[in-house]
Amino acid sequence: MPVEVIQFCWKFTAARLQKLFEDAGCVAKLRMGEKEGPFVTDNGNYIVDLYFEKSIGDLKAASDAILQLAGVVEHGMFLDMATTVIIAGELGLTVKNK
């Protein structure tokens, strides 16, 4: 899941994000650009991609916890915006309906 973070404190924020979801086996990685260095958003921020081994549980609670962390601008969860999601994984595609 992508999380937009302020450049100045991205390492601190990435560590906090990983710690926040350690029970879900979270690994936080800075997204790299096509050229040398990190990917930079239109707003001049970085993207930290979160990879999970397990479910993070209540998405609304997870969203709130992420947004409360210092250095976080926004995340890639679009809660209450879609009724169907398509998830790609090692075993193929999964379609979930609300």
PDB file of N, CA and C in Angstrom:
ATOM      1  N   MET A   1       0.846  -1.158   0.000  1.00  0.00           N
ATOM      2  CA  MET A   1       0.000   0.000   0.000  1.00  0.00           C
ATOM      3  C   MET A   1       0.898   1.230   0.000  1.00  0.00           C
ATOM      4  N   PRO A   2       0.662   2.161  -0.899  1.00  0.00           N
ATOM      5  CA  PRO A   2       1.483   3.369  -0.930  1.00  0.00           C
ATOM      6  C   PRO A   2       1.086   4.359   0.165  1.00  0.00           C
ATOM      7  N   VAL A   3       2.112   4.993   0.738  1.00  0.00           N
ATOM      8  CA  VAL A   3       1.898   6.054   1.719  1.00  0.00           C
ATOM      9  C   VAL A   3       2.791   7.225   1.312  1.00  0.00           C
ATOM     10  N   GLU A   4       2.198   8.393   1.093  1.00  0.00           N
ATOM     11  CA  GLU A   4       2.970   9.587   0.746  1.00  0.00           C
ATOM     12  C   GLU A   4       3.507  10.206   2.028  1.00  0.00           C
ATOM     13  N   VAL A   5       4.829  10.442   2.041  1.00  0.00           N
ATOM     14  CA  VAL A   5       5.475  10.975   3.242  1.00  0.00           C
ATOM     15  C   VAL A   5       6.350  12.173   2.881  1.00  0.00           C
ATOM     16  N   ILE A   6       6.551  13.043   3.860  1.00  0.00           N
ATOM     17  CA  ILE A   6       7.411  14.211   3.685  1.00  0.00           C
ATOM     18  C   ILE A   6       8.857  13.743   3.559  1.00  0.00           C
ATOM     19  N   GLN A   7       9.597  14.330   2.611  1.00  0.00           N
ATOM     20  CA  GLN A   7      10.985  13.933   2.383  1.00  0.00           C
ATOM     21  C   GLN A   7      11.849  14.060   3.636  1.00  0.00           C
ATOM     22  N   PHE A   8      11.696  15.156   4.346  1.00  0.00           N
ATOM     23  CA  PHE A   8      12.579  15.493   5.465  1.00  0.00           C
ATOM     24  C   PHE A   8      12.710  14.372   6.486  1.00  0.00           C
ATOM     25  N   CYS A   9      11.620  13.707   6.789  1.00  0.00           N
ATOM     26  CA  CYS A   9      11.648  12.696   7.858  1.00  0.00           C
ATOM     27  C   CYS A   9      11.191  11.326   7.365  1.00  0.00           C
ATOM     28  N   TRP A  10      11.448  11.011   6.098  1.00  0.00           N
ATOM     29  CA  TRP A  10      10.908   9.780   5.525  1.00  0.00           C
ATOM     30  C   TRP A  10      11.410   8.527   6.231  1.00  0.00           C
ATOM     31  N   LYS A  11      12.668   8.488   6.652  1.00  0.00           N
ATOM     32  CA  LYS A  11      13.194   7.286   7.319  1.00  0.00           C
ATOM     33  C   LYS A  11      12.488   7.052   8.650  1.00  0.00           C
ATOM     34  N   PHE A  12      12.301   8.119   9.410  1.00  0.00           N
ATOM     35  CA  PHE A  12      11.596   8.034  10.690  1.00  0.00           C
ATOM     36  C   PHE A  12      10.161   7.563  10.467  1.00  0.00           C
ATOM     37  N   THR A  13       9.493   8.166   9.490  1.00  0.00           N
ATOM     38  CA  THR A  13       8.098   7.826   9.209  1.00  0.00           C
ATOM     39  C   THR A  13       7.974   6.385   8.718  1.00  0.00           C
ATOM     40  N   ALA A  14       8.870   5.949   7.850  1.00  0.00           N
ATOM     41  CA  ALA A  14       8.840   4.569   7.354  1.00  0.00           C
ATOM     42  C   ALA A  14       9.017   3.582   8.502  1.00  0.00           C
ATOM     43  N   ALA A  15       9.918   3.888   9.420  1.00  0.00           N
ATOM     44  CA  ALA A  15      10.137   3.010  10.579  1.00  0.00           C
ATOM     45  C   ALA A  15       8.897   2.953  11.462  1.00  0.00           C
ATOM     46  N   ARG A  16       8.243   4.089  11.651  1.00  0.00           N
ATOM     47  CA  ARG A  16       7.015   4.135  12.460  1.00  0.00           C
ATOM     48  C   ARG A  16       5.890   3.348  11.797  1.00  0.00           C
ATOM     49  N   LEU A  17       5.767   3.461  10.483  1.00  0.00           N
ATOM     50  CA  LEU A  17       4.747   2.707   9.746  1.00  0.00           C
ATOM     51  C   LEU A  17       4.988   1.207   9.874  1.00  0.00           C
ATOM     52  N   GLN A  18       6.224   0.794   9.721  1.00  0.00           N
ATOM     53  CA  GLN A  18       6.557  -0.627   9.826  1.00  0.00           C
ATOM     54  C   GLN A  18       6.268  -1.139  11.231  1.00  0.00           C
ATOM     55  N   LYS A  19       6.608  -0.350  12.247  1.00  0.00           N
ATOM     56  CA  LYS A  19       6.352  -0.730  13.644  1.00  0.00           C
ATOM     57  C   LYS A  19       4.849  -0.806  13.918  1.00  0.00           C
ATOM     58  N   LEU A  20       4.095   0.131  13.359  1.00  0.00           N
ATOM     59  CA  LEU A  20       2.648   0.186  13.561  1.00  0.00           C
ATOM     60  C   LEU A  20       1.974  -1.116  13.118  1.00  0.00           C
ATOM     61  N   PHE A  21       2.482  -1.711  12.049  1.00  0.00           N
ATOM     62  CA  PHE A  21       1.867  -2.918  11.491  1.00  0.00           C
ATOM     63  C   PHE A  21       2.778  -4.140  11.593  1.00  0.00           C
ATOM     64  N   GLU A  22       3.621  -4.178  12.610  1.00  0.00           N
ATOM     65  CA  GLU A  22       4.552  -5.302  12.744  1.00  0.00           C
ATOM     66  C   GLU A  22       3.826  -6.630  12.929  1.00  0.00           C
ATOM     67  N   ASP A  23       2.646  -6.627  13.552  1.00  0.00           N
ATOM     68  CA  ASP A  23       1.880  -7.866  13.733  1.00  0.00           C
ATOM     69  C   ASP A  23       1.389  -8.440  12.404  1.00  0.00           C
ATOM     70  N   ALA A  24       1.309  -7.591  11.381  1.00  0.00           N
ATOM     71  CA  ALA A  24       0.878  -8.029  10.052  1.00  0.00           C
ATOM     72  C   ALA A  24       2.079  -8.343   9.159  1.00  0.00           C
ATOM     73  N   GLY A  25       3.279  -8.358   9.747  1.00  0.00           N
ATOM     74  CA  GLY A  25       4.481  -8.649   8.969  1.00  0.00           C
ATOM     75  C   GLY A  25       4.818  -7.564   7.972  1.00  0.00           C
ATOM     76  N   CYS A  26       4.619  -6.318   8.364  1.00  0.00           N
ATOM     77  CA  CYS A  26       4.809  -5.179   7.464  1.00  0.00           C
ATOM     78  C   CYS A  26       6.291  -4.915   7.183  1.00  0.00           C
ATOM     79  N   VAL A  27       6.571  -4.647   5.910  1.00  0.00           N
ATOM     80  CA  VAL A  27       7.881  -4.171   5.480  1.00  0.00           C
ATOM     81  C   VAL A  27       7.640  -2.870   4.725  1.00  0.00           C
ATOM     82  N   ALA A  28       8.336  -1.801   5.131  1.00  0.00           N
ATOM     83  CA  ALA A  28       8.200  -0.493   4.494  1.00  0.00           C
ATOM     84  C   ALA A  28       9.418  -0.248   3.608  1.00  0.00           C
ATOM     85  N   LYS A  29       9.165   0.078   2.327  1.00  0.00           N
ATOM     86  CA  LYS A  29      10.260   0.315   1.383  1.00  0.00           C
ATOM     87  C   LYS A  29      10.033   1.628   0.648  1.00  0.00           C
ATOM     88  N   LEU A  30      11.086   2.415   0.544  1.00  0.00           N
ATOM     89  CA  LEU A  30      11.028   3.652  -0.214  1.00  0.00           C
ATOM     90  C   LEU A  30      10.917   3.317  -1.695  1.00  0.00           C
ATOM     91  N   ARG A  31       9.946   3.913  -2.374  1.00  0.00           N
ATOM     92  CA  ARG A  31       9.762   3.672  -3.812  1.00  0.00           C
ATOM     93  C   ARG A  31      10.851   4.426  -4.580  1.00  0.00           C
ATOM     94  N   MET A  32      11.504   3.711  -5.457  1.00  0.00           N
ATOM     95  CA  MET A  32      12.562   4.316  -6.260  1.00  0.00           C
ATOM     96  C   MET A  32      12.004   4.736  -7.613  1.00  0.00           C
ATOM     97  N   GLY A  33      12.556   5.821  -8.163  1.00  0.00           N
ATOM     98  CA  GLY A  33      12.119   6.333  -9.451  1.00  0.00           C
ATOM     99  C   GLY A  33      12.791   5.602 -10.597  1.00  0.00           C
ATOM    100  N   GLU A  34      12.378   5.928 -11.813  1.00  0.00           N
ATOM    101  CA  GLU A  34      12.972   5.309 -12.995  1.00  0.00           C
ATOM    102  C   GLU A  34      14.420   5.740 -13.162  1.00  0.00           C
ATOM    103  N   LYS A  35      14.709   6.968 -12.773  1.00  0.00           N
ATOM    104  CA  LYS A  35      16.080   7.461 -12.826  1.00  0.00           C
ATOM    105  C   LYS A  35      16.690   7.264 -11.444  1.00  0.00           C
ATOM    106  N   GLU A  36      17.879   7.733 -11.256  1.00  0.00           N
ATOM    107  CA  GLU A  36      18.568   7.570  -9.980  1.00  0.00           C
ATOM    108  C   GLU A  36      17.832   8.299  -8.855  1.00  0.00           C
ATOM    109  N   GLY A  37      17.638   7.631  -7.738  1.00  0.00           N
ATOM    110  CA  GLY A  37      17.029   8.238  -6.565  1.00  0.00           C
ATOM    111  C   GLY A  37      15.577   7.863  -6.371  1.00  0.00           C
ATOM    112  N   PRO A  38      15.001   8.344  -5.266  1.00  0.00           N
ATOM    113  CA  PRO A  38      13.609   8.031  -4.918  1.00  0.00           C
ATOM    114  C   PRO A  38      12.615   8.680  -5.873  1.00  0.00           C
ATOM    115  N   PHE A  39      11.447   8.043  -5.989  1.00  0.00           N
ATOM    116  CA  PHE A  39      10.331   8.624  -6.726  1.00  0.00           C
ATOM    117  C   PHE A  39       9.839   9.845  -5.947  1.00  0.00           C
ATOM    118  N   VAL A  40       9.592  10.953  -6.641  1.00  0.00           N
ATOM    119  CA  VAL A  40       9.111  12.179  -6.007  1.00  0.00           C
ATOM    120  C   VAL A  40       7.731  12.510  -6.569  1.00  0.00           C
ATOM    121  N   THR A  41       6.766  12.761  -5.672  1.00  0.00           N
ATOM    122  CA  THR A  41       5.402  13.088  -6.088  1.00  0.00           C
ATOM    123  C   THR A  41       5.327  14.506  -6.640  1.00  0.00           C
ATOM    124  N   ASP A  42       4.180  14.850  -7.205  1.00  0.00           N
ATOM    125  CA  ASP A  42       3.952  16.209  -7.699  1.00  0.00           C
ATOM    126  C   ASP A  42       4.086  17.238  -6.581  1.00  0.00           C
ATOM    127  N   ASN A  43       3.841  16.802  -5.344  1.00  0.00           N
ATOM    128  CA  ASN A  43       3.937  17.697  -4.189  1.00  0.00           C
ATOM    129  C   ASN A  43       5.340  17.734  -3.594  1.00  0.00           C
ATOM    130  N   GLY A  44       6.290  17.034  -4.209  1.00  0.00           N
ATOM    131  CA  GLY A  44       7.661  17.029  -3.718  1.00  0.00           C
ATOM    132  C   GLY A  44       7.904  16.071  -2.562  1.00  0.00           C
ATOM    133  N   ASN A  45       7.019  15.094  -2.399  1.00  0.00           N
ATOM    134  CA  ASN A  45       7.148  14.125  -1.307  1.00  0.00           C
ATOM    135  C   ASN A  45       7.602  12.775  -1.844  1.00  0.00           C
ATOM    136  N   TYR A  46       7.905  11.854  -0.933  1.00  0.00           N
ATOM    137  CA  TYR A  46       8.291  10.491  -1.286  1.00  0.00           C
ATOM    138  C   TYR A  46       7.106   9.551  -1.097  1.00  0.00           C
ATOM    139  N   ILE A  47       7.218   8.365  -1.680  1.00  0.00           N
ATOM    140  CA  ILE A  47       6.242   7.298  -1.471  1.00  0.00           C
ATOM    141  C   ILE A  47       6.949   6.150  -0.760  1.00  0.00           C
ATOM    142  N   VAL A  48       6.375   5.720   0.354  1.00  0.00           N
ATOM    143  CA  VAL A  48       6.836   4.522   1.045  1.00  0.00           C
ATOM    144  C   VAL A  48       5.778   3.459   0.787  1.00  0.00           C
ATOM    145  N   ASP A  49       6.197   2.355   0.179  1.00  0.00           N
ATOM    146  CA  ASP A  49       5.273   1.251  -0.088  1.00  0.00           C
ATOM    147  C   ASP A  49       5.305   0.282   1.077  1.00  0.00           C
ATOM    148  N   LEU A  50       4.116  -0.077   1.582  1.00  0.00           N
ATOM    149  CA  LEU A  50       3.999  -1.031   2.680  1.00  0.00           C
ATOM    150  C   LEU A  50       3.585  -2.381   2.117  1.00  0.00           C
ATOM    151  N   TYR A  51       4.322  -3.417   2.501  1.00  0.00           N
ATOM    152  CA  TYR A  51       4.040  -4.790   2.086  1.00  0.00           C
ATOM    153  C   TYR A  51       3.667  -5.585   3.324  1.00  0.00           C
ATOM    154  N   PHE A  52       2.545  -6.302   3.258  1.00  0.00           N
ATOM    155  CA  PHE A  52       2.021  -7.035   4.411  1.00  0.00           C
ATOM    156  C   PHE A  52       2.009  -8.538   4.147  1.00  0.00           C
ATOM    157  N   GLU A  53       2.358  -9.310   5.164  1.00  0.00           N
ATOM    158  CA  GLU A  53       2.264 -10.766   5.080  1.00  0.00           C
ATOM    159  C   GLU A  53       0.875 -11.240   5.489  1.00  0.00           C
ATOM    160  N   LYS A  54       0.195 -10.450   6.336  1.00  0.00           N
ATOM    161  CA  LYS A  54      -1.128 -10.807   6.850  1.00  0.00           C
ATOM    162  C   LYS A  54      -2.043  -9.592   6.752  1.00  0.00           C
ATOM    163  N   SER A  55      -3.302  -9.823   7.052  1.00  0.00           N
ATOM    164  CA  SER A  55      -4.295  -8.751   7.057  1.00  0.00           C
ATOM    165  C   SER A  55      -3.963  -7.709   8.121  1.00  0.00           C
ATOM    166  N   ILE A  56      -4.258  -6.451   7.810  1.00  0.00           N
ATOM    167  CA  ILE A  56      -4.068  -5.391   8.805  1.00  0.00           C
ATOM    168  C   ILE A  56      -5.344  -5.154   9.610  1.00  0.00           C
ATOM    169  N   GLY A  57      -6.371  -5.945   9.354  1.00  0.00           N
ATOM    170  CA  GLY A  57      -7.597  -5.862  10.147  1.00  0.00           C
ATOM    171  C   GLY A  57      -8.502  -4.726   9.722  1.00  0.00           C
ATOM    172  N   ASP A  58      -9.009  -4.001  10.684  1.00  0.00           N
ATOM    173  CA  ASP A  58      -9.960  -2.907  10.477  1.00  0.00           C
ATOM    174  C   ASP A  58      -9.301  -1.794   9.654  1.00  0.00           C
ATOM    175  N   LEU A  59      -9.748  -1.629   8.415  1.00  0.00           N
ATOM    176  CA  LEU A  59      -9.125  -0.650   7.526  1.00  0.00           C
ATOM    177  C   LEU A  59      -9.334   0.785   7.984  1.00  0.00           C
ATOM    178  N   LYS A  60     -10.490   1.082   8.547  1.00  0.00           N
ATOM    179  CA  LYS A  60     -10.746   2.444   9.041  1.00  0.00           C
ATOM    180  C   LYS A  60      -9.798   2.770  10.190  1.00  0.00           C
ATOM    181  N   ALA A  61      -9.615   1.836  11.119  1.00  0.00           N
ATOM    182  CA  ALA A  61      -8.690   2.045  12.238  1.00  0.00           C
ATOM    183  C   ALA A  61      -7.258   2.179  11.725  1.00  0.00           C
ATOM    184  N   ALA A  62      -6.888   1.354  10.737  1.00  0.00           N
ATOM    185  CA  ALA A  62      -5.546   1.436  10.155  1.00  0.00           C
ATOM    186  C   ALA A  62      -5.341   2.781   9.469  1.00  0.00           C
ATOM    187  N   SER A  63      -6.346   3.230   8.728  1.00  0.00           N
ATOM    188  CA  SER A  63      -6.285   4.525   8.055  1.00  0.00           C
ATOM    189  C   SER A  63      -6.071   5.652   9.056  1.00  0.00           C
ATOM    190  N   ASP A  64      -6.856   5.650  10.111  1.00  0.00           N
ATOM    191  CA  ASP A  64      -6.736   6.690  11.136  1.00  0.00           C
ATOM    192  C   ASP A  64      -5.360   6.680  11.783  1.00  0.00           C
ATOM    193  N   ALA A  65      -4.839   5.490  12.079  1.00  0.00           N
ATOM    194  CA  ALA A  65      -3.524   5.368  12.718  1.00  0.00           C
ATOM    195  C   ALA A  65      -2.419   5.886  11.799  1.00  0.00           C
ATOM    196  N   ILE A  66      -2.518   5.572  10.511  1.00  0.00           N
ATOM    197  CA  ILE A  66      -1.515   6.036   9.547  1.00  0.00           C
ATOM    198  C   ILE A  66      -1.534   7.552   9.446  1.00  0.00           C
ATOM    199  N   LEU A  67      -2.722   8.125   9.306  1.00  0.00           N
ATOM    200  CA  LEU A  67      -2.842   9.571   9.116  1.00  0.00           C
ATOM    201  C   LEU A  67      -2.424  10.370  10.345  1.00  0.00           C
ATOM    202  N   GLN A  68      -2.398   9.742  11.513  1.00  0.00           N
ATOM    203  CA  GLN A  68      -1.981  10.436  12.735  1.00  0.00           C
ATOM    204  C   GLN A  68      -0.464  10.487  12.903  1.00  0.00           C
ATOM    205  N   LEU A  69       0.272   9.719  12.101  1.00  0.00           N
ATOM    206  CA  LEU A  69       1.730   9.701  12.227  1.00  0.00           C
ATOM    207  C   LEU A  69       2.346  10.972  11.641  1.00  0.00           C
ATOM    208  N   ALA A  70       3.319  11.518  12.357  1.00  0.00           N
ATOM    209  CA  ALA A  70       4.053  12.685  11.863  1.00  0.00           C
ATOM    210  C   ALA A  70       4.767  12.319  10.570  1.00  0.00           C
ATOM    211  N   GLY A  71       4.665  13.177   9.571  1.00  0.00           N
ATOM    212  CA  GLY A  71       5.336  12.956   8.301  1.00  0.00           C
ATOM    213  C   GLY A  71       4.476  12.328   7.228  1.00  0.00           C
ATOM    214  N   VAL A  72       3.311  11.795   7.600  1.00  0.00           N
ATOM    215  CA  VAL A  72       2.412  11.181   6.614  1.00  0.00           C
ATOM    216  C   VAL A  72       1.544  12.263   5.978  1.00  0.00           C
ATOM    217  N   VAL A  73       1.482  12.247   4.652  1.00  0.00           N
ATOM    218  CA  VAL A  73       0.628  13.182   3.920  1.00  0.00           C
ATOM    219  C   VAL A  73      -0.701  12.515   3.587  1.00  0.00           C
ATOM    220  N   GLU A  74      -0.638  11.294   3.016  1.00  0.00           N
ATOM    221  CA  GLU A  74      -1.837  10.562   2.597  1.00  0.00           C
ATOM    222  C   GLU A  74      -1.456   9.110   2.372  1.00  0.00           C
ATOM    223  N   HIS A  75      -2.456   8.264   2.241  1.00  0.00           N
ATOM    224  CA  HIS A  75      -2.206   6.849   1.956  1.00  0.00           C
ATOM    225  C   HIS A  75      -3.072   6.394   0.791  1.00  0.00           C
ATOM    226  N   GLY A  76      -2.849   5.164   0.345  1.00  0.00           N
ATOM    227  CA  GLY A  76      -3.528   4.649  -0.837  1.00  0.00           C
ATOM    228  C   GLY A  76      -4.789   3.857  -0.573  1.00  0.00           C
ATOM    229  N   MET A  77      -5.351   3.967   0.625  1.00  0.00           N
ATOM    230  CA  MET A  77      -6.631   3.293   0.891  1.00  0.00           C
ATOM    231  C   MET A  77      -7.756   4.246   0.521  1.00  0.00           C
ATOM    232  N   PHE A  78      -8.628   3.794  -0.319  1.00  0.00           N
ATOM    233  CA  PHE A  78      -9.758   4.615  -0.740  1.00  0.00           C
ATOM    234  C   PHE A  78     -11.015   4.045  -0.101  1.00  0.00           C
ATOM    235  N   LEU A  79     -11.171   4.333   1.165  1.00  0.00           N
ATOM    236  CA  LEU A  79     -12.271   3.766   1.941  1.00  0.00           C
ATOM    237  C   LEU A  79     -13.600   4.388   1.547  1.00  0.00           C
ATOM    238  N   ASP A  80     -14.618   3.545   1.456  1.00  0.00           N
ATOM    239  CA  ASP A  80     -15.985   3.962   1.130  1.00  0.00           C
ATOM    240  C   ASP A  80     -16.095   4.659  -0.224  1.00  0.00           C
ATOM    241  N   MET A  81     -15.200   4.312  -1.154  1.00  0.00           N
ATOM    242  CA  MET A  81     -15.245   4.920  -2.482  1.00  0.00           C
ATOM    243  C   MET A  81     -15.577   3.903  -3.570  1.00  0.00           C
ATOM    244  N   ALA A  82     -15.463   2.612  -3.271  1.00  0.00           N
ATOM    245  CA  ALA A  82     -15.716   1.575  -4.274  1.00  0.00           C
ATOM    246  C   ALA A  82     -16.514   0.442  -3.639  1.00  0.00           C
ATOM    247  N   THR A  83     -17.244  -0.278  -4.465  1.00  0.00           N
ATOM    248  CA  THR A  83     -17.999  -1.424  -3.964  1.00  0.00           C
ATOM    249  C   THR A  83     -17.340  -2.750  -4.345  1.00  0.00           C
ATOM    250  N   THR A  84     -16.359  -2.703  -5.255  1.00  0.00           N
ATOM    251  CA  THR A  84     -15.645  -3.903  -5.684  1.00  0.00           C
ATOM    252  C   THR A  84     -14.152  -3.603  -5.763  1.00  0.00           C
ATOM    253  N   VAL A  85     -13.337  -4.560  -5.291  1.00  0.00           N
ATOM    254  CA  VAL A  85     -11.885  -4.436  -5.433  1.00  0.00           C
ATOM    255  C   VAL A  85     -11.344  -5.703  -6.077  1.00  0.00           C
ATOM    256  N   ILE A  86     -10.282  -5.537  -6.844  1.00  0.00           N
ATOM    257  CA  ILE A  86      -9.587  -6.660  -7.461  1.00  0.00           C
ATOM    258  C   ILE A  86      -8.190  -6.684  -6.865  1.00  0.00           C
ATOM    259  N   ILE A  87      -7.836  -7.814  -6.263  1.00  0.00           N
ATOM    260  CA  ILE A  87      -6.561  -7.945  -5.571  1.00  0.00           C
ATOM    261  C   ILE A  87      -5.705  -8.957  -6.319  1.00  0.00           C
ATOM    262  N   ALA A  88      -4.490  -8.539  -6.700  1.00  0.00           N
ATOM    263  CA  ALA A  88      -3.552  -9.441  -7.370  1.00  0.00           C
ATOM    264  C   ALA A  88      -2.595 -10.002  -6.334  1.00  0.00           C
ATOM    265  N   GLY A  89      -2.420 -11.303  -6.348  1.00  0.00           N
ATOM    266  CA  GLY A  89      -1.514 -11.953  -5.411  1.00  0.00           C
ATOM    267  C   GLY A  89      -0.768 -13.087  -6.076  1.00  0.00           C
ATOM    268  N   GLU A  90       0.025 -13.790  -5.296  1.00  0.00           N
ATOM    269  CA  GLU A  90       0.828 -14.892  -5.827  1.00  0.00           C
ATOM    270  C   GLU A  90      -0.026 -15.989  -6.452  1.00  0.00           C
ATOM    271  N   LEU A  91      -1.234 -16.168  -5.939  1.00  0.00           N
ATOM    272  CA  LEU A  91      -2.107 -17.233  -6.434  1.00  0.00           C
ATOM    273  C   LEU A  91      -3.095 -16.759  -7.492  1.00  0.00           C
ATOM    274  N   GLY A  92      -2.945 -15.529  -7.956  1.00  0.00           N
ATOM    275  CA  GLY A  92      -3.836 -15.005  -8.974  1.00  0.00           C
ATOM    276  C   GLY A  92      -4.652 -13.828  -8.478  1.00  0.00           C
ATOM    277  N   LEU A  93      -5.806 -13.631  -9.105  1.00  0.00           N
ATOM    278  CA  LEU A  93      -6.678 -12.506  -8.781  1.00  0.00           C
ATOM    279  C   LEU A  93      -7.795 -12.925  -7.838  1.00  0.00           C
ATOM    280  N   THR A  94      -8.147 -12.005  -6.949  1.00  0.00           N
ATOM    281  CA  THR A  94      -9.289 -12.187  -6.063  1.00  0.00           C
ATOM    282  C   THR A  94     -10.194 -10.977  -6.230  1.00  0.00           C
ATOM    283  N   VAL A  95     -11.481 -11.204  -6.393  1.00  0.00           N
ATOM    284  CA  VAL A  95     -12.455 -10.120  -6.503  1.00  0.00           C
ATOM    285  C   VAL A  95     -13.289 -10.116  -5.233  1.00  0.00           C
ATOM    286  N   LYS A  96     -13.365  -8.945  -4.591  1.00  0.00           N
ATOM    287  CA  LYS A  96     -14.176  -8.816  -3.377  1.00  0.00           C
ATOM    288  C   LYS A  96     -15.216  -7.731  -3.594  1.00  0.00           C
ATOM    289  N   ASN A  97     -16.454  -8.043  -3.230  1.00  0.00           N
ATOM    290  CA  ASN A  97     -17.560  -7.091  -3.330  1.00  0.00           C
ATOM    291  C   ASN A  97     -18.007  -6.682  -1.940  1.00  0.00           C
ATOM    292  N   LYS A  98     -18.467  -5.455  -1.828  1.00  0.00           N
ATOM    293  CA  LYS A  98     -18.943  -4.933  -0.547  1.00  0.00           C
ATOM    294  C   LYS A  98     -20.297  -5.495  -0.234  1.00  0.00           C
TER     295      LYS A  98
END
